[in-house]
Amino acid sequence: MEKVYGSESYVSNIRADRSDEDLLFQVLLDWGVDLTLPIQHQTIDGKSVFIVAENAIAACFDREGGITEAFIKQLAEIKPLRAVFCDAGFASDSVKINVEQIFKLLSPNTELRTI
């Protein structure tokens, strides 16, 4: 999947057949998080979000460019220890750039990652 932001083009490194659950468990393994922790599935601002162990990880695997600043602000208010997004999920370059600043303001201890 190719996505164009401004003058740059991004190609998704996620295989099309990977489900959100596949991605979540890969993230849990990468971060060394116990796979038996409780996982909640929530909808925040119309986006599917996995919350692991209340706030250990918040994961949104939107790959359609629907992640907006409004969504990021709502997610940051949960104050997760870690947050992960798909690179292709951001609505624009400015949203992708502002994610770090929004989290620094609202949830400064959150570790961020994009896949």
N, C-alpha and C. Protein backbone atom coordinates (compact mmCIF):
# COMPACT_ATOMS: atom_id res chain seq x y z
N MET A 1 0.84 -1.16 0.00
CA MET A 1 0.00 0.00 0.00
C MET A 1 0.89 1.23 0.00
N GLU A 2 0.63 2.14 -0.92
CA GLU A 2 1.42 3.36 -1.00
C GLU A 2 0.55 4.52 -0.59
N LYS A 3 1.11 5.44 0.16
CA LYS A 3 0.40 6.62 0.62
C LYS A 3 1.26 7.82 0.32
N VAL A 4 0.66 8.88 -0.15
CA VAL A 4 1.41 10.08 -0.51
C VAL A 4 1.06 11.19 0.47
N TYR A 5 2.08 11.77 1.10
CA TYR A 5 1.95 12.94 1.97
C TYR A 5 2.76 14.05 1.31
N GLY A 6 2.15 15.14 1.00
CA GLY A 6 2.89 16.24 0.42
C GLY A 6 3.67 15.76 -0.79
N SER A 7 4.98 15.94 -0.74
CA SER A 7 5.81 15.50 -1.86
C SER A 7 6.45 14.14 -1.60
N GLU A 8 6.15 13.55 -0.44
CA GLU A 8 6.78 12.27 -0.10
C GLU A 8 5.80 11.12 -0.29
N SER A 9 6.32 9.96 -0.56
CA SER A 9 5.53 8.77 -0.74
C SER A 9 5.99 7.72 0.26
N TYR A 10 5.03 7.06 0.92
CA TYR A 10 5.35 6.04 1.90
C TYR A 10 4.75 4.72 1.46
N VAL A 11 5.47 3.64 1.65
CA VAL A 11 4.97 2.32 1.33
C VAL A 11 4.84 1.56 2.64
N SER A 12 3.67 0.97 2.87
CA SER A 12 3.43 0.24 4.10
C SER A 12 4.33 -0.99 4.16
N ASN A 13 4.91 -1.22 5.33
CA ASN A 13 5.75 -2.40 5.51
C ASN A 13 4.96 -3.54 6.16
N ILE A 14 3.66 -3.38 6.26
CA ILE A 14 2.79 -4.39 6.87
C ILE A 14 2.08 -5.16 5.77
N ARG A 15 2.21 -6.48 5.82
CA ARG A 15 1.54 -7.31 4.82
C ARG A 15 0.02 -7.11 4.91
N ALA A 16 -0.64 -7.12 3.79
CA ALA A 16 -2.08 -6.87 3.72
C ALA A 16 -2.89 -7.90 4.49
N ASP A 17 -2.37 -9.12 4.63
CA ASP A 17 -3.13 -10.17 5.30
C ASP A 17 -2.97 -10.19 6.82
N ARG A 18 -2.20 -9.25 7.38
CA ARG A 18 -2.01 -9.20 8.84
C ARG A 18 -3.21 -8.52 9.49
N SER A 19 -3.83 -9.19 10.44
CA SER A 19 -4.97 -8.61 11.15
C SER A 19 -4.46 -7.69 12.26
N ASP A 20 -5.36 -6.88 12.78
CA ASP A 20 -5.00 -6.01 13.90
C ASP A 20 -4.53 -6.83 15.10
N GLU A 21 -5.16 -7.97 15.32
CA GLU A 21 -4.75 -8.84 16.43
C GLU A 21 -3.34 -9.38 16.22
N ASP A 22 -3.00 -9.74 14.98
CA ASP A 22 -1.63 -10.18 14.66
C ASP A 22 -0.63 -9.09 15.02
N LEU A 23 -0.94 -7.87 14.60
CA LEU A 23 -0.05 -6.74 14.87
C LEU A 23 0.08 -6.49 16.36
N LEU A 24 -1.04 -6.58 17.09
CA LEU A 24 -1.00 -6.36 18.54
C LEU A 24 -0.09 -7.37 19.21
N PHE A 25 -0.24 -8.64 18.89
CA PHE A 25 0.59 -9.65 19.54
C PHE A 25 2.05 -9.52 19.15
N GLN A 26 2.34 -9.07 17.94
CA GLN A 26 3.72 -8.81 17.55
C GLN A 26 4.30 -7.67 18.38
N VAL A 27 3.51 -6.62 18.59
CA VAL A 27 3.95 -5.48 19.41
C VAL A 27 4.19 -5.94 20.85
N LEU A 28 3.29 -6.74 21.39
CA LEU A 28 3.46 -7.25 22.76
C LEU A 28 4.76 -8.04 22.88
N LEU A 29 5.02 -8.90 21.90
CA LEU A 29 6.26 -9.68 21.91
C LEU A 29 7.49 -8.77 21.80
N ASP A 30 7.43 -7.79 20.88
CA ASP A 30 8.55 -6.87 20.69
C ASP A 30 8.88 -6.09 21.96
N TRP A 31 7.84 -5.70 22.70
CA TRP A 31 8.04 -4.93 23.92
C TRP A 31 8.24 -5.82 25.14
N GLY A 32 8.16 -7.13 24.97
CA GLY A 32 8.35 -8.05 26.08
C GLY A 32 7.21 -8.01 27.09
N VAL A 33 6.01 -7.73 26.60
CA VAL A 33 4.83 -7.64 27.46
C VAL A 33 4.18 -9.02 27.55
N ASP A 34 3.74 -9.37 28.75
CA ASP A 34 3.09 -10.66 29.00
C ASP A 34 1.85 -10.82 28.12
N LEU A 35 1.79 -11.89 27.36
CA LEU A 35 0.67 -12.12 26.44
C LEU A 35 -0.63 -12.48 27.14
N THR A 36 -0.56 -12.75 28.44
CA THR A 36 -1.77 -13.12 29.16
C THR A 36 -2.44 -11.92 29.84
N LEU A 37 -1.90 -10.72 29.68
CA LEU A 37 -2.53 -9.53 30.27
C LEU A 37 -3.88 -9.28 29.61
N PRO A 38 -4.82 -8.71 30.36
CA PRO A 38 -6.15 -8.44 29.77
C PRO A 38 -6.07 -7.38 28.67
N ILE A 39 -6.84 -7.63 27.62
CA ILE A 39 -6.88 -6.72 26.47
C ILE A 39 -8.33 -6.29 26.27
N GLN A 40 -8.53 -4.98 26.22
CA GLN A 40 -9.85 -4.42 25.93
C GLN A 40 -9.84 -3.85 24.53
N HIS A 41 -10.96 -3.98 23.85
CA HIS A 41 -11.11 -3.37 22.53
C HIS A 41 -12.09 -2.22 22.70
N GLN A 42 -11.66 -1.01 22.35
CA GLN A 42 -12.51 0.17 22.49
C GLN A 42 -12.58 0.90 21.16
N THR A 43 -13.56 1.78 21.05
CA THR A 43 -13.66 2.68 19.92
C THR A 43 -13.48 4.09 20.45
N ILE A 44 -12.48 4.79 19.94
CA ILE A 44 -12.20 6.16 20.34
C ILE A 44 -12.24 7.01 19.09
N ASP A 45 -13.10 8.00 19.07
CA ASP A 45 -13.25 8.90 17.92
C ASP A 45 -13.42 8.10 16.63
N GLY A 46 -14.18 7.00 16.72
CA GLY A 46 -14.46 6.18 15.54
C GLY A 46 -13.36 5.22 15.14
N LYS A 47 -12.27 5.18 15.89
CA LYS A 47 -11.13 4.30 15.57
C LYS A 47 -11.08 3.13 16.55
N SER A 48 -10.70 1.98 16.03
CA SER A 48 -10.52 0.78 16.83
C SER A 48 -9.20 0.89 17.60
N VAL A 49 -9.28 0.68 18.93
CA VAL A 49 -8.10 0.79 19.78
C VAL A 49 -8.06 -0.40 20.74
N PHE A 50 -6.87 -0.98 20.87
CA PHE A 50 -6.65 -2.02 21.86
C PHE A 50 -5.97 -1.39 23.07
N ILE A 51 -6.52 -1.65 24.25
CA ILE A 51 -5.93 -1.18 25.50
C ILE A 51 -5.50 -2.43 26.26
N VAL A 52 -4.20 -2.54 26.53
CA VAL A 52 -3.65 -3.71 27.21
C VAL A 52 -3.41 -3.35 28.68
N ALA A 53 -3.96 -4.18 29.59
CA ALA A 53 -3.75 -4.03 31.04
C ALA A 53 -4.05 -2.60 31.50
N GLU A 54 -5.22 -2.13 31.17
CA GLU A 54 -5.74 -0.81 31.53
C GLU A 54 -5.01 0.34 30.85
N ASN A 55 -3.69 0.42 30.97
CA ASN A 55 -2.99 1.50 30.26
C ASN A 55 -1.54 1.16 29.94
N ALA A 56 -1.19 -0.13 29.95
CA ALA A 56 0.19 -0.51 29.63
C ALA A 56 0.51 -0.19 28.17
N ILE A 57 -0.44 -0.48 27.28
CA ILE A 57 -0.27 -0.18 25.86
C ILE A 57 -1.62 0.24 25.28
N ALA A 58 -1.58 1.28 24.46
CA ALA A 58 -2.73 1.66 23.65
C ALA A 58 -2.28 1.50 22.20
N ALA A 59 -3.00 0.72 21.42
CA ALA A 59 -2.59 0.43 20.05
C ALA A 59 -3.73 0.71 19.07
N CYS A 60 -3.43 1.52 18.07
CA CYS A 60 -4.38 1.78 16.99
C CYS A 60 -3.69 1.41 15.68
N PHE A 61 -4.26 0.44 14.98
CA PHE A 61 -3.64 -0.05 13.75
C PHE A 61 -4.38 0.40 12.50
N ASP A 62 -5.00 1.57 12.56
CA ASP A 62 -5.64 2.15 11.38
C ASP A 62 -4.59 2.27 10.28
N ARG A 63 -4.93 1.81 9.10
CA ARG A 63 -4.00 1.89 7.96
C ARG A 63 -4.59 2.68 6.81
N GLU A 64 -5.68 3.40 7.11
CA GLU A 64 -6.40 4.11 6.06
C GLU A 64 -6.25 5.62 6.15
N GLY A 65 -5.34 6.13 6.97
CA GLY A 65 -5.12 7.56 7.05
C GLY A 65 -6.16 8.29 7.87
N GLY A 66 -6.78 7.60 8.82
CA GLY A 66 -7.84 8.21 9.62
C GLY A 66 -7.40 8.76 10.97
N ILE A 67 -6.11 8.65 11.31
CA ILE A 67 -5.65 9.13 12.62
C ILE A 67 -5.46 10.64 12.54
N THR A 68 -6.26 11.35 13.33
CA THR A 68 -6.25 12.81 13.35
C THR A 68 -5.72 13.32 14.68
N GLU A 69 -5.47 14.60 14.76
CA GLU A 69 -5.02 15.19 16.03
C GLU A 69 -6.08 15.05 17.10
N ALA A 70 -7.36 15.17 16.73
CA ALA A 70 -8.44 15.01 17.71
C ALA A 70 -8.40 13.62 18.33
N PHE A 71 -8.18 12.60 17.51
CA PHE A 71 -8.06 11.23 18.01
C PHE A 71 -6.85 11.10 18.93
N ILE A 72 -5.71 11.64 18.50
CA ILE A 72 -4.48 11.54 19.29
C ILE A 72 -4.68 12.19 20.66
N LYS A 73 -5.33 13.33 20.71
CA LYS A 73 -5.58 14.01 21.99
C LYS A 73 -6.43 13.13 22.91
N GLN A 74 -7.47 12.50 22.36
CA GLN A 74 -8.32 11.62 23.17
C GLN A 74 -7.52 10.42 23.69
N LEU A 75 -6.69 9.86 22.84
CA LEU A 75 -5.89 8.71 23.25
C LEU A 75 -4.86 9.11 24.31
N ALA A 76 -4.24 10.27 24.14
CA ALA A 76 -3.24 10.74 25.10
C ALA A 76 -3.85 10.97 26.48
N GLU A 77 -5.11 11.33 26.53
CA GLU A 77 -5.78 11.56 27.82
C GLU A 77 -5.89 10.29 28.65
N ILE A 78 -5.80 9.14 28.01
CA ILE A 78 -5.80 7.85 28.74
C ILE A 78 -4.48 7.68 29.49
N LYS A 79 -3.44 8.37 29.05
CA LYS A 79 -2.09 8.31 29.62
C LYS A 79 -1.51 6.89 29.61
N PRO A 80 -1.47 6.27 28.41
CA PRO A 80 -0.88 4.93 28.34
C PRO A 80 0.63 5.00 28.56
N LEU A 81 1.20 3.91 29.07
CA LEU A 81 2.65 3.85 29.22
C LEU A 81 3.32 3.79 27.86
N ARG A 82 2.64 3.12 26.89
CA ARG A 82 3.16 3.00 25.52
C ARG A 82 2.00 3.16 24.56
N ALA A 83 2.28 3.74 23.40
CA ALA A 83 1.27 3.86 22.35
C ALA A 83 1.92 3.50 21.03
N VAL A 84 1.16 2.80 20.20
CA VAL A 84 1.69 2.36 18.91
C VAL A 84 0.65 2.61 17.82
N PHE A 85 1.15 3.03 16.66
CA PHE A 85 0.32 3.35 15.50
C PHE A 85 0.96 2.78 14.25
N CYS A 86 0.15 2.60 13.21
CA CYS A 86 0.68 2.26 11.89
C CYS A 86 1.09 3.56 11.20
N ASP A 87 2.23 3.53 10.56
CA ASP A 87 2.73 4.70 9.85
C ASP A 87 1.72 5.20 8.82
N ALA A 88 1.05 4.28 8.15
CA ALA A 88 0.09 4.64 7.10
C ALA A 88 -1.22 5.18 7.67
N GLY A 89 -1.39 5.14 8.98
CA GLY A 89 -2.65 5.56 9.58
C GLY A 89 -2.83 7.05 9.77
N PHE A 90 -1.75 7.81 9.69
CA PHE A 90 -1.85 9.24 9.96
C PHE A 90 -2.51 9.97 8.80
N ALA A 91 -3.40 10.90 9.13
CA ALA A 91 -4.16 11.64 8.12
C ALA A 91 -3.26 12.54 7.28
N SER A 92 -2.15 13.01 7.86
CA SER A 92 -1.25 13.92 7.13
C SER A 92 0.12 13.93 7.81
N ASP A 93 1.07 14.55 7.14
CA ASP A 93 2.40 14.73 7.73
C ASP A 93 2.33 15.52 9.03
N SER A 94 1.51 16.55 9.05
CA SER A 94 1.44 17.39 10.25
C SER A 94 0.92 16.61 11.45
N VAL A 95 -0.04 15.72 11.23
CA VAL A 95 -0.54 14.90 12.34
C VAL A 95 0.58 13.99 12.84
N LYS A 96 1.30 13.37 11.92
CA LYS A 96 2.39 12.47 12.31
C LYS A 96 3.45 13.22 13.11
N ILE A 97 3.77 14.42 12.67
CA ILE A 97 4.78 15.23 13.37
C ILE A 97 4.27 15.67 14.74
N ASN A 98 2.99 16.03 14.83
CA ASN A 98 2.43 16.56 16.07
C ASN A 98 2.12 15.51 17.13
N VAL A 99 2.11 14.24 16.77
CA VAL A 99 1.82 13.18 17.74
C VAL A 99 2.75 13.30 18.95
N GLU A 100 4.03 13.42 18.70
CA GLU A 100 5.00 13.50 19.79
C GLU A 100 4.73 14.72 20.68
N GLN A 101 4.42 15.85 20.07
CA GLN A 101 4.17 17.07 20.85
C GLN A 101 2.88 16.95 21.67
N ILE A 102 1.86 16.36 21.10
CA ILE A 102 0.59 16.18 21.82
C ILE A 102 0.82 15.28 23.03
N PHE A 103 1.53 14.18 22.84
CA PHE A 103 1.80 13.28 23.96
C PHE A 103 2.70 13.94 25.00
N LYS A 104 3.69 14.73 24.58
CA LYS A 104 4.54 15.43 25.54
C LYS A 104 3.72 16.35 26.43
N LEU A 105 2.72 16.97 25.86
CA LEU A 105 1.87 17.88 26.60
C LEU A 105 0.88 17.15 27.51
N LEU A 106 0.20 16.14 26.98
CA LEU A 106 -0.88 15.48 27.71
C LEU A 106 -0.46 14.22 28.47
N SER A 107 0.56 13.55 28.01
CA SER A 107 1.01 12.29 28.62
C SER A 107 2.52 12.14 28.42
N PRO A 108 3.30 12.94 29.11
CA PRO A 108 4.75 13.01 28.84
C PRO A 108 5.52 11.72 29.08
N ASN A 109 4.97 10.77 29.83
CA ASN A 109 5.69 9.54 30.12
C ASN A 109 5.40 8.42 29.13
N THR A 110 4.56 8.69 28.13
CA THR A 110 4.21 7.67 27.14
C THR A 110 5.34 7.46 26.14
N GLU A 111 5.70 6.20 25.94
CA GLU A 111 6.67 5.83 24.91
C GLU A 111 5.89 5.59 23.61
N LEU A 112 6.31 6.23 22.53
CA LEU A 112 5.60 6.14 21.26
C LEU A 112 6.36 5.27 20.26
N ARG A 113 5.59 4.58 19.41
CA ARG A 113 6.19 3.77 18.36
C ARG A 113 5.25 3.72 17.16
N THR A 114 5.82 3.73 15.97
CA THR A 114 5.04 3.50 14.76
C THR A 114 5.60 2.27 14.06
N ILE A 115 4.69 1.54 13.42
CA ILE A 115 5.12 0.35 12.69
C ILE A 115 4.72 0.48 11.24
